[in-house]
PDB file of N, CA and C in Angstrom:
ATOM      1  N   MET A   1       1.261  -1.304  -0.099  1.00  0.00           N
ATOM      2  CA  MET A   1      -0.124   0.012   0.031  1.00  0.00           C
ATOM      3  C   MET A   1       0.669   1.231  -0.029  1.00  0.00           C
ATOM      4  N   PRO A   2       0.489   2.334  -0.282  1.00  0.00           N
ATOM      5  CA  PRO A   2       1.007   3.580  -0.362  1.00  0.00           C
ATOM      6  C   PRO A   2       1.414   3.932   0.880  1.00  0.00           C
ATOM      7  N   HIS A   3       2.382   4.975   0.821  1.00  0.00           N
ATOM      8  CA  HIS A   3       2.708   5.555   2.132  1.00  0.00           C
ATOM      9  C   HIS A   3       2.467   6.998   1.780  1.00  0.00           C
ATOM     10  N   TYR A   4       1.968   7.579   2.621  1.00  0.00           N
ATOM     11  CA  TYR A   4       1.510   9.112   2.279  1.00  0.00           C
ATOM     12  C   TYR A   4       2.095   9.954   3.203  1.00  0.00           C
ATOM     13  N   VAL A   5       2.857  10.833   3.321  1.00  0.00           N
ATOM     14  CA  VAL A   5       3.152  12.333   4.055  1.00  0.00           C
ATOM     15  C   VAL A   5       2.606  12.803   4.321  1.00  0.00           C
ATOM     16  N   PHE A   6       2.412  13.654   5.601  1.00  0.00           N
ATOM     17  CA  PHE A   6       1.251  14.363   6.251  1.00  0.00           C
ATOM     18  C   PHE A   6       2.285  15.471   7.070  1.00  0.00           C
ATOM     19  N   VAL A   7       1.863  16.912   7.755  1.00  0.00           N
ATOM     20  CA  VAL A   7       2.739  17.591   8.142  1.00  0.00           C
ATOM     21  C   VAL A   7       1.280  18.514   8.816  1.00  0.00           C
ATOM     22  N   CYS A   8       1.625  17.998  10.092  1.00  0.00           N
ATOM     23  CA  CYS A   8       0.628  18.646  10.973  1.00  0.00           C
ATOM     24  C   CYS A   8       0.357  20.606  10.901  1.00  0.00           C
ATOM     25  N   GLN A   9      -0.801  21.019  10.514  1.00  0.00           N
ATOM     26  CA  GLN A   9      -0.723  22.441  10.900  1.00  0.00           C
ATOM     27  C   GLN A   9      -0.449  23.205  11.904  1.00  0.00           C
ATOM     28  N   ASP A  10      -0.803  22.070  13.307  1.00  0.00           N
ATOM     29  CA  ASP A  10      -0.516  22.651  14.746  1.00  0.00           C
ATOM     30  C   ASP A  10       0.940  23.142  15.520  1.00  0.00           C
ATOM     31  N   CYS A  11       1.614  21.679  15.037  1.00  0.00           N
ATOM     32  CA  CYS A  11       2.702  21.252  15.479  1.00  0.00           C
ATOM     33  C   CYS A  11       3.214  21.465  15.051  1.00  0.00           C
ATOM     34  N   HIS A  12       3.256  21.333  13.155  1.00  0.00           N
ATOM     35  CA  HIS A  12       3.941  21.195  12.744  1.00  0.00           C
ATOM     36  C   HIS A  12       5.176  20.180  12.350  1.00  0.00           C
ATOM     37  N   LYS A  13       4.653  18.675  13.115  1.00  0.00           N
ATOM     38  CA  LYS A  13       5.473  18.074  12.565  1.00  0.00           C
ATOM     39  C   LYS A  13       5.096  16.759  11.355  1.00  0.00           C
ATOM     40  N   ASP A  14       6.205  16.287  10.977  1.00  0.00           N
ATOM     41  CA  ASP A  14       5.773  15.631   9.778  1.00  0.00           C
ATOM     42  C   ASP A  14       5.644  14.233  10.182  1.00  0.00           C
ATOM     43  N   PHE A  15       4.716  13.083   9.426  1.00  0.00           N
ATOM     44  CA  PHE A  15       4.413  11.798   9.595  1.00  0.00           C
ATOM     45  C   PHE A  15       3.561  10.799   8.686  1.00  0.00           C
ATOM     46  N   THR A  16       4.208   9.877   8.812  1.00  0.00           N
ATOM     47  CA  THR A  16       3.708   8.992   7.431  1.00  0.00           C
ATOM     48  C   THR A  16       2.875   8.251   8.047  1.00  0.00           C
ATOM     49  N   GLU A  17       1.568   8.195   6.952  1.00  0.00           N
ATOM     50  CA  GLU A  17       0.630   7.495   7.082  1.00  0.00           C
ATOM     51  C   GLU A  17       0.391   6.000   6.043  1.00  0.00           C
ATOM     52  N   VAL A  18       0.235   4.929   6.127  1.00  0.00           N
ATOM     53  CA  VAL A  18       0.225   3.821   4.925  1.00  0.00           C
ATOM     54  C   VAL A  18      -1.096   3.463   4.690  1.00  0.00           C
ATOM     55  N   LEU A  19      -1.850   4.089   3.617  1.00  0.00           N
ATOM     56  CA  LEU A  19      -3.684   4.136   3.361  1.00  0.00           C
ATOM     57  C   LEU A  19      -3.634   3.425   1.954  1.00  0.00           C
ATOM     58  N   HIS A  20      -4.700   2.842   1.684  1.00  0.00           N
ATOM     59  CA  HIS A  20      -4.875   2.505   0.255  1.00  0.00           C
ATOM     60  C   HIS A  20      -5.056   3.883  -0.577  1.00  0.00           C
ATOM     61  N   ILE A  21      -5.260   3.460  -1.811  1.00  0.00           N
ATOM     62  CA  ILE A  21      -5.499   4.455  -2.106  1.00  0.00           C
ATOM     63  C   ILE A  21      -7.102   5.329  -2.271  1.00  0.00           C
ATOM     64  N   SER A  22      -7.811   4.083  -1.965  1.00  0.00           N
ATOM     65  CA  SER A  22      -8.905   4.505  -2.213  1.00  0.00           C
ATOM     66  C   SER A  22      -9.967   5.200  -0.082  1.00  0.00           C
ATOM     67  N   GLU A  23      -8.552   4.685   0.433  1.00  0.00           N
ATOM     68  CA  GLU A  23      -9.068   5.430   2.026  1.00  0.00           C
ATOM     69  C   GLU A  23      -8.495   6.601   2.068  1.00  0.00           C
ATOM     70  N   LEU A  24      -7.531   7.544   0.798  1.00  0.00           N
ATOM     71  CA  LEU A  24      -7.222   8.567   0.888  1.00  0.00           C
ATOM     72  C   LEU A  24      -8.096   9.453   1.534  1.00  0.00           C
ATOM     73  N   SER A  25      -9.155   9.313   0.460  1.00  0.00           N
ATOM     74  CA  SER A  25     -10.305  10.805   0.554  1.00  0.00           C
ATOM     75  C   SER A  25     -11.351  10.336   1.366  1.00  0.00           C
ATOM     76  N   THR A  26     -11.089   8.866   2.140  1.00  0.00           N
ATOM     77  CA  THR A  26     -12.196   9.222   3.245  1.00  0.00           C
ATOM     78  C   THR A  26     -11.698   8.995   4.659  1.00  0.00           C
ATOM     79  N   THR A  27     -10.823   8.872   4.678  1.00  0.00           N
ATOM     80  CA  THR A  27     -10.026   8.757   6.398  1.00  0.00           C
ATOM     81  C   THR A  27      -9.542  10.071   6.666  1.00  0.00           C
ATOM     82  N   ARG A  28     -10.156  10.292   7.669  1.00  0.00           N
ATOM     83  CA  ARG A  28      -9.719  11.638   8.367  1.00  0.00           C
ATOM     84  C   ARG A  28      -8.026  11.375   9.267  1.00  0.00           C
ATOM     85  N   VAL A  29      -7.483  12.133   9.076  1.00  0.00           N
ATOM     86  CA  VAL A  29      -6.093  11.653   9.047  1.00  0.00           C
ATOM     87  C   VAL A  29      -5.625  12.369  10.496  1.00  0.00           C
ATOM     88  N   LYS A  30      -4.908  11.895  11.366  1.00  0.00           N
ATOM     89  CA  LYS A  30      -5.072  12.581  12.996  1.00  0.00           C
ATOM     90  C   LYS A  30      -3.420  12.747  12.942  1.00  0.00           C
ATOM     91  N   CYS A  31      -2.587  13.758  13.585  1.00  0.00           N
ATOM     92  CA  CYS A  31      -1.235  13.824  13.471  1.00  0.00           C
ATOM     93  C   CYS A  31      -1.546  13.211  14.895  1.00  0.00           C
ATOM     94  N   PRO A  32      -0.371  12.092  14.480  1.00  0.00           N
ATOM     95  CA  PRO A  32      -0.074  10.907  16.109  1.00  0.00           C
ATOM     96  C   PRO A  32       0.510  11.927  17.085  1.00  0.00           C
ATOM     97  N   HIS A  33       1.161  13.176  17.170  1.00  0.00           N
ATOM     98  CA  HIS A  33       1.911  13.679  18.003  1.00  0.00           C
ATOM     99  C   HIS A  33       0.890  14.309  19.280  1.00  0.00           C
ATOM    100  N   CYS A  34      -0.346  15.142  18.388  1.00  0.00           N
ATOM    101  CA  CYS A  34      -0.672  16.390  18.898  1.00  0.00           C
ATOM    102  C   CYS A  34      -2.288  15.970  18.738  1.00  0.00           C
ATOM    103  N   GLY A  35      -2.527  14.839  17.939  1.00  0.00           N
ATOM    104  CA  GLY A  35      -3.916  14.261  17.752  1.00  0.00           C
ATOM    105  C   GLY A  35      -5.021  15.770  16.656  1.00  0.00           C
ATOM    106  N   SER A  36      -4.583  16.503  16.389  1.00  0.00           N
ATOM    107  CA  SER A  36      -5.008  17.099  15.447  1.00  0.00           C
ATOM    108  C   SER A  36      -5.530  17.001  14.092  1.00  0.00           C
ATOM    109  N   GLU A  37      -6.466  17.077  13.515  1.00  0.00           N
ATOM    110  CA  GLU A  37      -7.281  16.830  12.304  1.00  0.00           C
ATOM    111  C   GLU A  37      -6.709  17.483  11.022  1.00  0.00           C
ATOM    112  N   HIS A  38      -6.368  18.991  11.576  1.00  0.00           N
ATOM    113  CA  HIS A  38      -5.472  19.933  11.026  1.00  0.00           C
ATOM    114  C   HIS A  38      -4.488  19.419  10.361  1.00  0.00           C
ATOM    115  N   VAL A  39      -4.374  18.654   9.244  1.00  0.00           N
ATOM    116  CA  VAL A  39      -3.185  18.122   8.740  1.00  0.00           C
ATOM    117  C   VAL A  39      -3.085  18.644   6.994  1.00  0.00           C
ATOM    118  N   GLU A  40      -2.116  18.260   6.492  1.00  0.00           N
ATOM    119  CA  GLU A  40      -1.984  18.588   5.178  1.00  0.00           C
ATOM    120  C   GLU A  40      -0.725  17.586   4.409  1.00  0.00           C
ATOM    121  N   GLN A  41      -1.311  16.913   3.057  1.00  0.00           N
ATOM    122  CA  GLN A  41      -1.028  15.693   2.790  1.00  0.00           C
ATOM    123  C   GLN A  41       0.481  16.649   1.913  1.00  0.00           C
ATOM    124  N   GLN A  42       1.598  16.164   2.105  1.00  0.00           N
ATOM    125  CA  GLN A  42       2.515  16.467   0.808  1.00  0.00           C
ATOM    126  C   GLN A  42       3.201  15.903   0.450  1.00  0.00           C
ATOM    127  N   TYR A  43       3.716  16.475  -0.627  1.00  0.00           N
ATOM    128  CA  TYR A  43       4.259  15.159  -2.205  1.00  0.00           C
ATOM    129  C   TYR A  43       5.595  14.657  -2.116  1.00  0.00           C
ATOM    130  N   ALA A  44       5.819  13.699  -1.629  1.00  0.00           N
ATOM    131  CA  ALA A  44       6.522  12.987  -1.676  1.00  0.00           C
ATOM    132  C   ALA A  44       7.502  12.389  -3.179  1.00  0.00           C
ATOM    133  N   GLU A  45       8.531  12.213  -3.029  1.00  0.00           N
ATOM    134  CA  GLU A  45       9.777  11.890  -3.999  1.00  0.00           C
ATOM    135  C   GLU A  45       9.540  10.254  -4.195  1.00  0.00           C
ATOM    136  N   PHE A  46       9.224   9.583  -5.267  1.00  0.00           N
ATOM    137  CA  PHE A  46       9.193   7.911  -5.197  1.00  0.00           C
ATOM    138  C   PHE A  46      10.099   7.668  -6.726  1.00  0.00           C
ATOM    139  N   SER A  47      10.729   6.602  -6.333  1.00  0.00           N
ATOM    140  CA  SER A  47      11.358   6.136  -8.096  1.00  0.00           C
ATOM    141  C   SER A  47      10.581   4.785  -8.243  1.00  0.00           C
ATOM    142  N   ALA A  48      10.977   4.475  -9.235  1.00  0.00           N
ATOM    143  CA  ALA A  48       9.853   3.106  -9.450  1.00  0.00           C
ATOM    144  C   ALA A  48      11.244   2.352 -10.942  1.00  0.00           C
ATOM    145  N   VAL A  49      11.443   1.177 -10.629  1.00  0.00           N
ATOM    146  CA  VAL A  49      12.235   0.418 -11.234  1.00  0.00           C
ATOM    147  C   VAL A  49      11.626  -0.624 -12.418  1.00  0.00           C
ATOM    148  N   THR A  50      12.020  -0.510 -12.892  1.00  0.00           N
ATOM    149  CA  THR A  50      11.389  -0.937 -14.679  1.00  0.00           C
ATOM    150  C   THR A  50      12.634  -1.935 -15.283  1.00  0.00           C
ATOM    151  N   ALA A  51      11.983  -2.568 -15.818  1.00  0.00           N
ATOM    152  CA  ALA A  51      13.318  -3.911 -16.451  1.00  0.00           C
ATOM    153  C   ALA A  51      13.862  -2.658 -17.873  1.00  0.00           C
ATOM    154  N   LYS A  52      15.328  -3.028 -17.877  1.00  0.00           N
ATOM    155  CA  LYS A  52      16.085  -2.822 -18.529  1.00  0.00           C
ATOM    156  C   LYS A  52      15.554  -3.027 -20.287  1.00  0.00           C
ATOM    157  N   LYS A  53      15.467  -1.900 -20.733  1.00  0.00           N
ATOM    158  CA  LYS A  53      15.055  -2.219 -22.577  1.00  0.00           C
ATOM    159  C   LYS A  53      16.265  -2.300 -22.993  1.00  0.00           C
ATOM    160  N   SER A  54      16.550  -2.880 -24.574  1.00  0.00           N
ATOM    161  CA  SER A  54      17.629  -3.048 -25.168  1.00  0.00           C
ATOM    162  C   SER A  54      16.808  -2.753 -26.400  1.00  0.00           C
TER     163      SER A  54
END
């Protein structure tokens, strides 16, 4: 499942949540540090491994 990075707008700490893509729009994500629901998703870098093409 994908990992999503969030930052809390109240305590300014970042954290990672593992959510299914369908859960992202329906789950109320809470900051694990202060319990606030005032969080914003951050866009993280990713890499993809593909087969070498000749």
